[in-house]
């Protein structure tokens, strides 16, 4: 049975993914309050640990939709959908499933939830992928291969370069 942990009258639905070694990694959070929902994207950096940022809001009172491994704290309705695998193959692999307890790396104080844990142990910032470094970086602590382009209004990365002639040109605008 899932723990019923509620911090400040909120519930949290967390989704995870399992890597090729079988380890669970936090992928996203949905924080449900009486006045609406906040959505957070979560990425893991080898150098910095978890990086998360609020990616959306909603006033919806519909059930939370999950496709894959998830954990619920608090009282919230969840609607499970099968992932990309079709019908019986997905059921055999148990692609959509609810965790009964959090992985050990996310255990926290009884009054906390996963958002509290992230706020203490993670970095709240946009995460930027560098294919050269093969790692995620906080937007405020980028590697030498990525930068913010003022002209384009997005991060220039090895995979998605901006149209500026050089890095300094991006910053001088």
N, C-alpha and C. Protein backbone atom coordinates (compact mmCIF):
# COMPACT_ATOMS: atom_id res chain seq x y z
N UNK A 1 0.84 -1.19 0.00
CA UNK A 1 0.00 0.00 0.00
C UNK A 1 0.88 1.24 0.00
N UNK A 2 0.56 2.20 -0.84
CA UNK A 2 1.34 3.43 -0.95
C UNK A 2 1.16 4.29 0.29
N UNK A 3 2.24 4.96 0.66
CA UNK A 3 2.19 5.86 1.81
C UNK A 3 1.31 7.06 1.47
N UNK A 4 0.57 7.52 2.42
CA UNK A 4 -0.27 8.71 2.26
C UNK A 4 0.44 9.87 2.93
N UNK A 5 1.29 10.54 2.17
CA UNK A 5 2.06 11.65 2.69
C UNK A 5 1.52 12.92 2.06
N UNK A 6 1.08 13.85 2.85
CA UNK A 6 0.55 15.10 2.33
C UNK A 6 1.28 16.25 3.02
N UNK A 7 1.89 17.12 2.22
CA UNK A 7 2.61 18.27 2.74
C UNK A 7 1.84 19.51 2.32
N UNK A 8 1.35 20.28 3.29
CA UNK A 8 0.65 21.52 2.98
C UNK A 8 -0.55 21.29 2.08
N UNK A 9 -1.32 20.26 2.34
CA UNK A 9 -2.53 19.94 1.57
C UNK A 9 -2.25 19.75 0.08
N UNK A 10 -1.20 19.05 -0.24
CA UNK A 10 -0.90 18.74 -1.63
C UNK A 10 -0.59 17.26 -1.78
N UNK A 11 -0.82 16.77 -2.98
CA UNK A 11 -0.50 15.40 -3.33
C UNK A 11 0.51 15.44 -4.46
N UNK A 12 1.29 14.37 -4.60
CA UNK A 12 2.31 14.32 -5.63
C UNK A 12 2.22 12.99 -6.38
N UNK A 13 2.25 13.08 -7.72
CA UNK A 13 2.36 11.90 -8.57
C UNK A 13 3.72 12.00 -9.24
N UNK A 14 4.57 11.02 -8.99
CA UNK A 14 5.92 11.00 -9.56
C UNK A 14 6.03 9.88 -10.57
N UNK A 15 6.63 10.16 -11.72
CA UNK A 15 6.88 9.11 -12.70
C UNK A 15 8.38 8.83 -12.74
N UNK A 16 8.71 7.57 -12.99
CA UNK A 16 10.09 7.10 -13.01
C UNK A 16 10.35 6.35 -14.30
N UNK A 17 11.62 6.20 -14.64
CA UNK A 17 12.00 5.29 -15.71
C UNK A 17 13.11 4.39 -15.19
N UNK A 18 13.19 3.20 -15.74
CA UNK A 18 14.19 2.23 -15.32
C UNK A 18 15.28 2.17 -16.39
N UNK A 19 16.55 2.33 -15.97
CA UNK A 19 17.64 2.27 -16.93
C UNK A 19 18.02 0.81 -17.22
N UNK A 20 18.99 0.61 -18.09
CA UNK A 20 19.37 -0.74 -18.49
C UNK A 20 19.98 -1.55 -17.34
N UNK A 21 20.40 -0.87 -16.28
CA UNK A 21 20.93 -1.57 -15.09
C UNK A 21 19.85 -1.86 -14.06
N UNK A 22 18.62 -1.46 -14.35
CA UNK A 22 17.51 -1.70 -13.44
C UNK A 22 17.27 -0.63 -12.40
N UNK A 23 18.06 0.44 -12.41
CA UNK A 23 17.89 1.52 -11.43
C UNK A 23 16.75 2.43 -11.85
N UNK A 24 15.97 2.88 -10.86
CA UNK A 24 14.88 3.81 -11.12
C UNK A 24 15.37 5.25 -11.00
N UNK A 25 14.98 6.07 -11.99
CA UNK A 25 15.33 7.49 -12.01
C UNK A 25 14.05 8.31 -12.07
N UNK A 26 14.00 9.37 -11.29
CA UNK A 26 12.85 10.27 -11.29
C UNK A 26 12.78 10.99 -12.62
N UNK A 27 11.59 11.04 -13.24
CA UNK A 27 11.41 11.63 -14.56
C UNK A 27 10.54 12.89 -14.53
N UNK A 28 9.48 12.89 -13.71
CA UNK A 28 8.61 14.06 -13.64
C UNK A 28 7.78 14.02 -12.37
N UNK A 29 7.25 15.19 -12.01
CA UNK A 29 6.36 15.32 -10.85
C UNK A 29 5.12 16.09 -11.27
N UNK A 30 4.01 15.69 -10.71
CA UNK A 30 2.77 16.44 -10.83
C UNK A 30 2.35 16.74 -9.39
N UNK A 31 2.28 18.01 -9.05
CA UNK A 31 1.94 18.43 -7.69
C UNK A 31 0.52 18.97 -7.71
N UNK A 32 -0.38 18.31 -6.97
CA UNK A 32 -1.79 18.65 -7.00
C UNK A 32 -2.17 19.36 -5.71
N UNK A 33 -2.75 20.55 -5.87
CA UNK A 33 -3.26 21.32 -4.74
C UNK A 33 -4.74 21.59 -5.00
N UNK A 34 -5.42 22.15 -4.03
CA UNK A 34 -6.85 22.45 -4.19
C UNK A 34 -7.08 23.43 -5.34
N UNK A 35 -6.13 24.33 -5.59
CA UNK A 35 -6.32 25.36 -6.61
C UNK A 35 -5.78 24.98 -7.98
N UNK A 36 -5.13 23.85 -8.12
CA UNK A 36 -4.61 23.45 -9.43
C UNK A 36 -3.44 22.51 -9.33
N UNK A 37 -2.78 22.35 -10.46
CA UNK A 37 -1.65 21.42 -10.57
C UNK A 37 -0.43 22.13 -11.15
N UNK A 38 0.73 21.73 -10.64
CA UNK A 38 2.01 22.17 -11.20
C UNK A 38 2.71 20.94 -11.74
N UNK A 39 3.33 21.09 -12.91
CA UNK A 39 4.06 19.99 -13.53
C UNK A 39 5.55 20.35 -13.54
N UNK A 40 6.38 19.38 -13.18
CA UNK A 40 7.82 19.57 -13.14
C UNK A 40 8.51 18.52 -14.00
N UNK A 41 9.43 18.97 -14.85
CA UNK A 41 10.31 18.06 -15.58
C UNK A 41 11.53 17.83 -14.71
N UNK A 42 12.04 16.61 -14.72
CA UNK A 42 13.19 16.26 -13.89
C UNK A 42 14.21 15.54 -14.76
N UNK A 43 15.47 15.95 -14.67
CA UNK A 43 16.57 15.30 -15.38
C UNK A 43 17.68 15.01 -14.38
N UNK A 44 18.51 14.01 -14.68
CA UNK A 44 19.61 13.67 -13.79
C UNK A 44 20.94 13.98 -14.46
N UNK A 45 21.77 14.74 -13.78
CA UNK A 45 23.11 15.08 -14.24
C UNK A 45 24.13 14.27 -13.47
N UNK A 46 25.10 13.69 -14.17
CA UNK A 46 26.17 12.95 -13.50
C UNK A 46 26.98 13.89 -12.61
N UNK A 47 27.11 15.12 -13.02
CA UNK A 47 27.91 16.09 -12.29
C UNK A 47 27.12 16.79 -11.18
N UNK A 48 25.86 17.15 -11.44
CA UNK A 48 25.09 17.99 -10.51
C UNK A 48 23.97 17.26 -9.77
N UNK A 49 23.62 16.07 -10.15
CA UNK A 49 22.48 15.38 -9.54
C UNK A 49 21.19 15.78 -10.24
N UNK A 50 20.09 15.78 -9.52
CA UNK A 50 18.79 16.08 -10.13
C UNK A 50 18.65 17.58 -10.41
N UNK A 51 18.13 17.88 -11.61
CA UNK A 51 17.82 19.24 -12.03
C UNK A 51 16.34 19.23 -12.39
N UNK A 52 15.57 20.17 -11.85
CA UNK A 52 14.13 20.18 -12.10
C UNK A 52 13.64 21.60 -12.33
N UNK A 53 12.53 21.70 -13.07
CA UNK A 53 11.92 23.01 -13.26
C UNK A 53 10.42 22.83 -13.53
N UNK A 54 9.68 23.87 -13.16
CA UNK A 54 8.24 23.85 -13.41
C UNK A 54 8.02 24.02 -14.90
N UNK A 55 7.33 23.06 -15.51
CA UNK A 55 7.15 23.07 -16.95
C UNK A 55 5.72 23.38 -17.36
N UNK A 56 4.81 23.45 -16.38
CA UNK A 56 3.43 23.76 -16.73
C UNK A 56 2.54 23.84 -15.51
N UNK A 57 1.34 24.40 -15.73
CA UNK A 57 0.32 24.49 -14.68
C UNK A 57 -1.02 24.13 -15.31
N UNK A 58 -1.96 23.76 -14.44
CA UNK A 58 -3.30 23.42 -14.91
C UNK A 58 -4.27 23.60 -13.77
N UNK A 59 -5.49 23.91 -14.10
CA UNK A 59 -6.55 24.01 -13.11
C UNK A 59 -7.43 22.76 -13.13
N UNK A 60 -7.03 21.79 -13.91
CA UNK A 60 -7.82 20.58 -14.11
C UNK A 60 -7.99 19.76 -12.83
N UNK A 61 -9.16 19.18 -12.69
CA UNK A 61 -9.43 18.27 -11.57
C UNK A 61 -9.57 16.83 -12.07
N UNK A 62 -9.18 16.60 -13.32
CA UNK A 62 -9.22 15.26 -13.90
C UNK A 62 -8.20 14.36 -13.21
N UNK A 63 -8.35 13.04 -13.34
CA UNK A 63 -7.34 12.14 -12.79
C UNK A 63 -5.98 12.37 -13.44
N UNK A 64 -4.93 12.09 -12.71
CA UNK A 64 -3.58 12.16 -13.26
C UNK A 64 -3.40 10.99 -14.20
N UNK A 65 -2.81 11.24 -15.36
CA UNK A 65 -2.59 10.17 -16.34
C UNK A 65 -1.13 9.77 -16.28
N UNK A 66 -0.88 8.48 -16.08
CA UNK A 66 0.49 7.97 -16.01
C UNK A 66 0.65 6.83 -17.00
N UNK A 67 1.82 6.74 -17.57
CA UNK A 67 2.14 5.65 -18.47
C UNK A 67 3.52 5.15 -18.11
N UNK A 68 3.62 4.16 -17.30
CA UNK A 68 4.90 3.66 -16.85
C UNK A 68 4.93 3.51 -15.34
N UNK A 69 6.11 3.58 -14.78
CA UNK A 69 6.31 3.37 -13.35
C UNK A 69 6.00 4.68 -12.63
N UNK A 70 5.22 4.60 -11.56
CA UNK A 70 4.85 5.82 -10.84
C UNK A 70 4.66 5.55 -9.35
N UNK A 71 4.66 6.65 -8.58
CA UNK A 71 4.43 6.62 -7.15
C UNK A 71 3.50 7.77 -6.81
N UNK A 72 2.55 7.52 -5.91
CA UNK A 72 1.59 8.54 -5.50
C UNK A 72 1.71 8.78 -4.01
N UNK A 73 1.79 10.04 -3.63
CA UNK A 73 1.69 10.40 -2.21
C UNK A 73 0.50 11.34 -2.09
N UNK A 74 -0.33 11.09 -1.12
CA UNK A 74 -1.54 11.89 -0.96
C UNK A 74 -2.72 11.18 -1.60
N UNK A 75 -3.83 11.87 -1.60
CA UNK A 75 -5.07 11.30 -2.11
C UNK A 75 -5.37 11.89 -3.48
N UNK A 76 -5.06 11.14 -4.53
CA UNK A 76 -5.26 11.63 -5.89
C UNK A 76 -5.68 10.47 -6.78
N UNK A 77 -6.60 10.75 -7.70
CA UNK A 77 -7.05 9.74 -8.65
C UNK A 77 -6.03 9.64 -9.78
N UNK A 78 -5.71 8.40 -10.18
CA UNK A 78 -4.74 8.15 -11.23
C UNK A 78 -5.35 7.26 -12.29
N UNK A 79 -5.12 7.61 -13.54
CA UNK A 79 -5.57 6.81 -14.67
C UNK A 79 -4.34 6.25 -15.37
N UNK A 80 -4.20 4.94 -15.38
CA UNK A 80 -3.05 4.30 -16.01
C UNK A 80 -3.32 4.06 -17.49
N UNK A 81 -2.32 4.37 -18.31
CA UNK A 81 -2.40 4.06 -19.73
C UNK A 81 -1.17 3.23 -20.08
N UNK A 82 -1.33 2.33 -21.03
CA UNK A 82 -0.21 1.50 -21.44
C UNK A 82 0.78 2.35 -22.21
N UNK A 83 2.04 2.01 -22.06
CA UNK A 83 3.07 2.73 -22.81
C UNK A 83 3.05 2.30 -24.27
N UNK A 84 4.11 2.56 -24.99
CA UNK A 84 4.15 2.31 -26.43
C UNK A 84 3.94 0.85 -26.81
N UNK A 85 4.23 -0.05 -25.90
CA UNK A 85 4.03 -1.47 -26.22
C UNK A 85 2.55 -1.76 -26.35
N UNK A 86 2.21 -2.67 -27.18
CA UNK A 86 0.80 -2.98 -27.43
C UNK A 86 0.29 -4.04 -26.47
N UNK A 87 -0.97 -3.90 -26.11
CA UNK A 87 -1.79 -4.84 -25.36
C UNK A 87 -1.10 -5.84 -24.47
N UNK A 88 -1.14 -7.13 -24.84
CA UNK A 88 -0.69 -8.20 -23.96
C UNK A 88 0.81 -8.12 -23.70
N UNK A 89 1.60 -7.65 -24.66
CA UNK A 89 3.04 -7.52 -24.44
C UNK A 89 3.32 -6.56 -23.29
N UNK A 90 2.58 -5.46 -23.24
CA UNK A 90 2.77 -4.49 -22.16
C UNK A 90 2.34 -5.08 -20.83
N UNK A 91 1.24 -5.78 -20.82
CA UNK A 91 0.78 -6.38 -19.56
C UNK A 91 1.77 -7.41 -19.05
N UNK A 92 2.36 -8.21 -19.96
CA UNK A 92 3.34 -9.19 -19.55
C UNK A 92 4.57 -8.53 -18.95
N UNK A 93 4.98 -7.39 -19.51
CA UNK A 93 6.15 -6.68 -19.00
C UNK A 93 5.79 -5.74 -17.86
N UNK A 94 4.50 -5.60 -17.56
CA UNK A 94 4.03 -4.73 -16.48
C UNK A 94 4.56 -3.31 -16.66
N UNK A 95 4.41 -2.76 -17.89
CA UNK A 95 4.94 -1.45 -18.21
C UNK A 95 4.29 -0.31 -17.41
N UNK A 96 3.05 -0.46 -17.04
CA UNK A 96 2.40 0.56 -16.21
C UNK A 96 2.21 -0.04 -14.83
N UNK A 97 2.87 0.55 -13.84
CA UNK A 97 2.71 -0.01 -12.51
C UNK A 97 2.97 1.03 -11.43
N UNK A 98 2.31 0.80 -10.33
CA UNK A 98 2.41 1.69 -9.18
C UNK A 98 3.42 1.11 -8.19
N UNK A 99 4.37 1.94 -7.78
CA UNK A 99 5.32 1.53 -6.76
C UNK A 99 4.64 1.55 -5.40
N UNK A 100 4.89 0.56 -4.62
CA UNK A 100 4.33 0.51 -3.27
C UNK A 100 5.12 1.39 -2.30
N UNK A 101 6.41 1.54 -2.57
CA UNK A 101 7.23 2.44 -1.76
C UNK A 101 8.28 3.06 -2.65
N UNK A 102 8.81 4.19 -2.22
CA UNK A 102 9.82 4.90 -2.99
C UNK A 102 11.14 4.14 -3.00
N UNK A 103 11.91 4.28 -4.08
CA UNK A 103 13.26 3.72 -4.08
C UNK A 103 14.07 4.30 -2.92
N UNK A 104 15.03 3.56 -2.43
CA UNK A 104 15.81 3.97 -1.26
C UNK A 104 16.42 5.35 -1.42
N UNK A 105 16.89 5.69 -2.60
CA UNK A 105 17.55 6.98 -2.80
C UNK A 105 16.61 8.17 -2.59
N UNK A 106 15.30 7.94 -2.55
CA UNK A 106 14.34 9.03 -2.38
C UNK A 106 13.64 9.01 -1.03
N UNK A 107 14.08 8.18 -0.13
CA UNK A 107 13.46 8.16 1.19
C UNK A 107 13.69 9.50 1.85
N UNK A 108 12.68 9.97 2.56
CA UNK A 108 12.74 11.30 3.13
C UNK A 108 12.04 11.33 4.47
N UNK A 109 12.06 12.48 5.08
CA UNK A 109 11.38 12.65 6.36
C UNK A 109 9.89 12.38 6.19
N UNK A 110 9.24 11.83 7.20
CA UNK A 110 7.83 11.47 7.07
C UNK A 110 6.90 12.61 6.66
N UNK A 111 7.21 13.85 7.00
CA UNK A 111 6.33 14.97 6.66
C UNK A 111 6.60 15.53 5.27
N UNK A 112 7.62 15.01 4.59
CA UNK A 112 8.01 15.53 3.28
C UNK A 112 7.40 14.73 2.14
N UNK A 113 7.43 15.31 0.95
CA UNK A 113 7.07 14.58 -0.26
C UNK A 113 8.23 14.75 -1.25
N UNK A 114 8.09 14.23 -2.46
CA UNK A 114 9.19 14.28 -3.42
C UNK A 114 9.56 15.69 -3.86
N UNK A 115 8.61 16.61 -3.88
CA UNK A 115 8.95 17.99 -4.21
C UNK A 115 9.85 18.58 -3.12
N UNK A 116 9.52 18.32 -1.86
CA UNK A 116 10.38 18.77 -0.75
C UNK A 116 11.78 18.17 -0.91
N UNK A 117 11.84 16.89 -1.25
CA UNK A 117 13.13 16.21 -1.42
C UNK A 117 13.93 16.87 -2.53
N UNK A 118 13.28 17.15 -3.66
CA UNK A 118 13.98 17.80 -4.78
C UNK A 118 14.46 19.20 -4.41
N UNK A 119 13.65 19.94 -3.68
CA UNK A 119 14.04 21.29 -3.29
C UNK A 119 15.26 21.28 -2.37
N UNK A 120 15.44 20.21 -1.58
CA UNK A 120 16.60 20.10 -0.70
C UNK A 120 17.81 19.51 -1.41
N UNK A 121 17.60 18.54 -2.29
CA UNK A 121 18.72 17.79 -2.87
C UNK A 121 18.99 18.09 -4.34
N UNK A 122 18.09 18.78 -5.01
CA UNK A 122 18.26 19.05 -6.44
C UNK A 122 18.53 20.51 -6.73
N UNK A 123 18.59 20.82 -8.01
CA UNK A 123 18.80 22.19 -8.48
C UNK A 123 17.57 22.58 -9.28
N UNK A 124 16.93 23.70 -8.90
CA UNK A 124 15.76 24.16 -9.62
C UNK A 124 16.22 25.13 -10.71
N UNK A 125 16.22 24.62 -11.95
CA UNK A 125 16.71 25.38 -13.10
C UNK A 125 16.34 24.59 -14.35
N UNK A 126 16.44 25.22 -15.51
CA UNK A 126 16.26 24.50 -16.76
C UNK A 126 17.44 23.57 -16.95
N UNK A 127 17.19 22.37 -17.47
CA UNK A 127 18.25 21.42 -17.75
C UNK A 127 18.59 21.46 -19.23
N UNK A 128 19.88 21.52 -19.55
CA UNK A 128 20.34 21.61 -20.93
C UNK A 128 21.24 20.40 -21.21
N UNK A 129 20.93 19.66 -22.28
CA UNK A 129 21.69 18.47 -22.64
C UNK A 129 22.87 18.85 -23.53
N UNK A 130 24.05 18.34 -23.19
CA UNK A 130 25.22 18.51 -24.05
C UNK A 130 25.61 17.13 -24.56
N UNK A 131 25.50 16.93 -25.87
CA UNK A 131 25.82 15.63 -26.46
C UNK A 131 27.33 15.38 -26.46
N UNK A 132 28.12 16.43 -26.39
CA UNK A 132 29.57 16.25 -26.32
C UNK A 132 29.97 15.72 -24.95
N UNK A 133 29.45 16.34 -23.90
CA UNK A 133 29.73 15.90 -22.52
C UNK A 133 28.90 14.67 -22.13
N UNK A 134 27.83 14.44 -22.86
CA UNK A 134 26.88 13.37 -22.57
C UNK A 134 26.33 13.51 -21.14
N UNK A 135 25.85 14.73 -20.84
CA UNK A 135 25.33 15.01 -19.51
C UNK A 135 24.38 16.20 -19.58
N UNK A 136 23.53 16.31 -18.55
CA UNK A 136 22.64 17.45 -18.38
C UNK A 136 23.35 18.49 -17.52
N UNK A 137 23.08 19.77 -17.82
CA UNK A 137 23.66 20.87 -17.06
C UNK A 137 22.56 21.86 -16.68
N UNK A 138 22.66 22.46 -15.47
CA UNK A 138 21.72 23.54 -15.13
C UNK A 138 21.96 24.72 -16.07
N UNK A 139 20.90 25.42 -16.43
CA UNK A 139 21.01 26.57 -17.32
C UNK A 139 21.98 27.62 -16.83
N UNK A 140 22.18 27.72 -15.53
CA UNK A 140 23.09 28.72 -14.96
C UNK A 140 24.52 28.20 -14.83
N UNK A 141 24.78 26.93 -15.14
CA UNK A 141 26.12 26.34 -15.00
C UNK A 141 26.43 25.46 -16.20
N UNK A 142 26.41 26.04 -17.38
CA UNK A 142 26.59 25.28 -18.61
C UNK A 142 28.06 24.90 -18.83
N UNK A 143 28.25 23.87 -19.62
CA UNK A 143 29.60 23.47 -20.03
C UNK A 143 30.08 24.41 -21.14
N UNK A 144 31.29 24.21 -21.61
CA UNK A 144 31.86 25.07 -22.65
C UNK A 144 31.22 24.89 -24.02
N UNK A 145 30.46 23.81 -24.20
CA UNK A 145 29.86 23.50 -25.50
C UNK A 145 28.46 24.10 -25.69
N UNK A 146 27.88 24.64 -24.64
CA UNK A 146 26.51 25.16 -24.69
C UNK A 146 26.46 26.57 -24.11
N UNK A 147 25.52 27.37 -24.59
CA UNK A 147 25.35 28.73 -24.09
C UNK A 147 23.96 29.23 -24.43
N UNK A 148 23.58 30.32 -23.77
CA UNK A 148 22.30 30.97 -24.06
C UNK A 148 22.51 31.94 -25.21
N UNK A 149 21.68 31.84 -26.25
CA UNK A 149 21.76 32.74 -27.39
C UNK A 149 20.70 33.83 -27.21
N UNK A 150 21.14 35.06 -27.02
CA UNK A 150 20.20 36.16 -26.84
C UNK A 150 19.38 36.44 -28.10
N UNK A 151 19.97 36.21 -29.27
CA UNK A 151 19.26 36.48 -30.52
C UNK A 151 18.12 35.49 -30.73
N UNK A 152 18.37 34.21 -30.51
CA UNK A 152 17.36 33.19 -30.72
C UNK A 152 16.44 32.98 -29.51
N UNK A 153 16.94 33.30 -28.32
CA UNK A 153 16.14 33.12 -27.11
C UNK A 153 16.05 31.67 -26.67
N UNK A 154 17.11 30.90 -26.91
CA UNK A 154 17.18 29.51 -26.45
C UNK A 154 18.63 29.11 -26.31
N UNK A 155 18.84 27.91 -25.75
CA UNK A 155 20.20 27.43 -25.53
C UNK A 155 20.78 26.87 -26.83
N UNK A 156 21.98 27.30 -27.16
CA UNK A 156 22.71 26.77 -28.30
C UNK A 156 23.53 25.60 -27.79
N UNK A 157 23.31 24.42 -28.34
CA UNK A 157 23.98 23.20 -27.89
C UNK A 157 24.66 22.53 -29.09
N UNK A 158 25.53 21.55 -28.87
CA UNK A 158 26.16 20.86 -30.00
C UNK A 158 25.14 20.27 -30.98
N UNK A 159 24.01 19.83 -30.50
CA UNK A 159 22.99 19.25 -31.38
C UNK A 159 22.10 20.29 -32.05
N UNK A 160 21.95 21.45 -31.43
CA UNK A 160 21.09 22.51 -31.96
C UNK A 160 21.80 23.85 -31.85
N UNK A 161 22.67 24.12 -32.79
CA UNK A 161 23.42 25.37 -32.79
C UNK A 161 22.55 26.53 -33.27
N UNK A 162 22.75 27.67 -32.67
CA UNK A 162 22.07 28.87 -33.13
C UNK A 162 22.73 29.36 -34.42
N UNK A 163 22.18 30.37 -35.04
CA UNK A 163 22.69 30.86 -36.32
C UNK A 163 23.79 31.90 -36.17
N UNK A 164 24.14 32.26 -34.95
CA UNK A 164 25.18 33.27 -34.73
C UNK A 164 26.53 32.73 -35.20
N UNK A 165 27.42 33.64 -35.60
CA UNK A 165 28.73 33.24 -36.10
C UNK A 165 29.60 32.63 -35.01
N UNK A 166 29.45 33.12 -33.79
CA UNK A 166 30.25 32.58 -32.68
C UNK A 166 29.56 32.86 -31.35
N UNK A 167 30.10 32.26 -30.30
CA UNK A 167 29.51 32.35 -28.96
C UNK A 167 29.44 33.80 -28.48
N UNK A 168 30.49 34.57 -28.71
CA UNK A 168 30.52 35.96 -28.23
C UNK A 168 29.44 36.80 -28.89
N UNK A 169 29.14 36.52 -30.17
CA UNK A 169 28.10 37.26 -30.87
C UNK A 169 26.74 37.06 -30.18
N UNK A 170 26.48 35.86 -29.69
CA UNK A 170 25.21 35.56 -28.99
C UNK A 170 25.08 36.43 -27.73
N UNK A 171 26.17 36.58 -27.03
CA UNK A 171 26.13 37.29 -25.74
C UNK A 171 26.08 38.80 -25.90
N UNK A 172 26.56 39.32 -27.03
CA UNK A 172 26.68 40.77 -27.19
C UNK A 172 25.38 41.43 -27.64
N UNK A 173 24.36 40.65 -27.93
CA UNK A 173 23.10 41.24 -28.41
C UNK A 173 22.31 41.85 -27.30
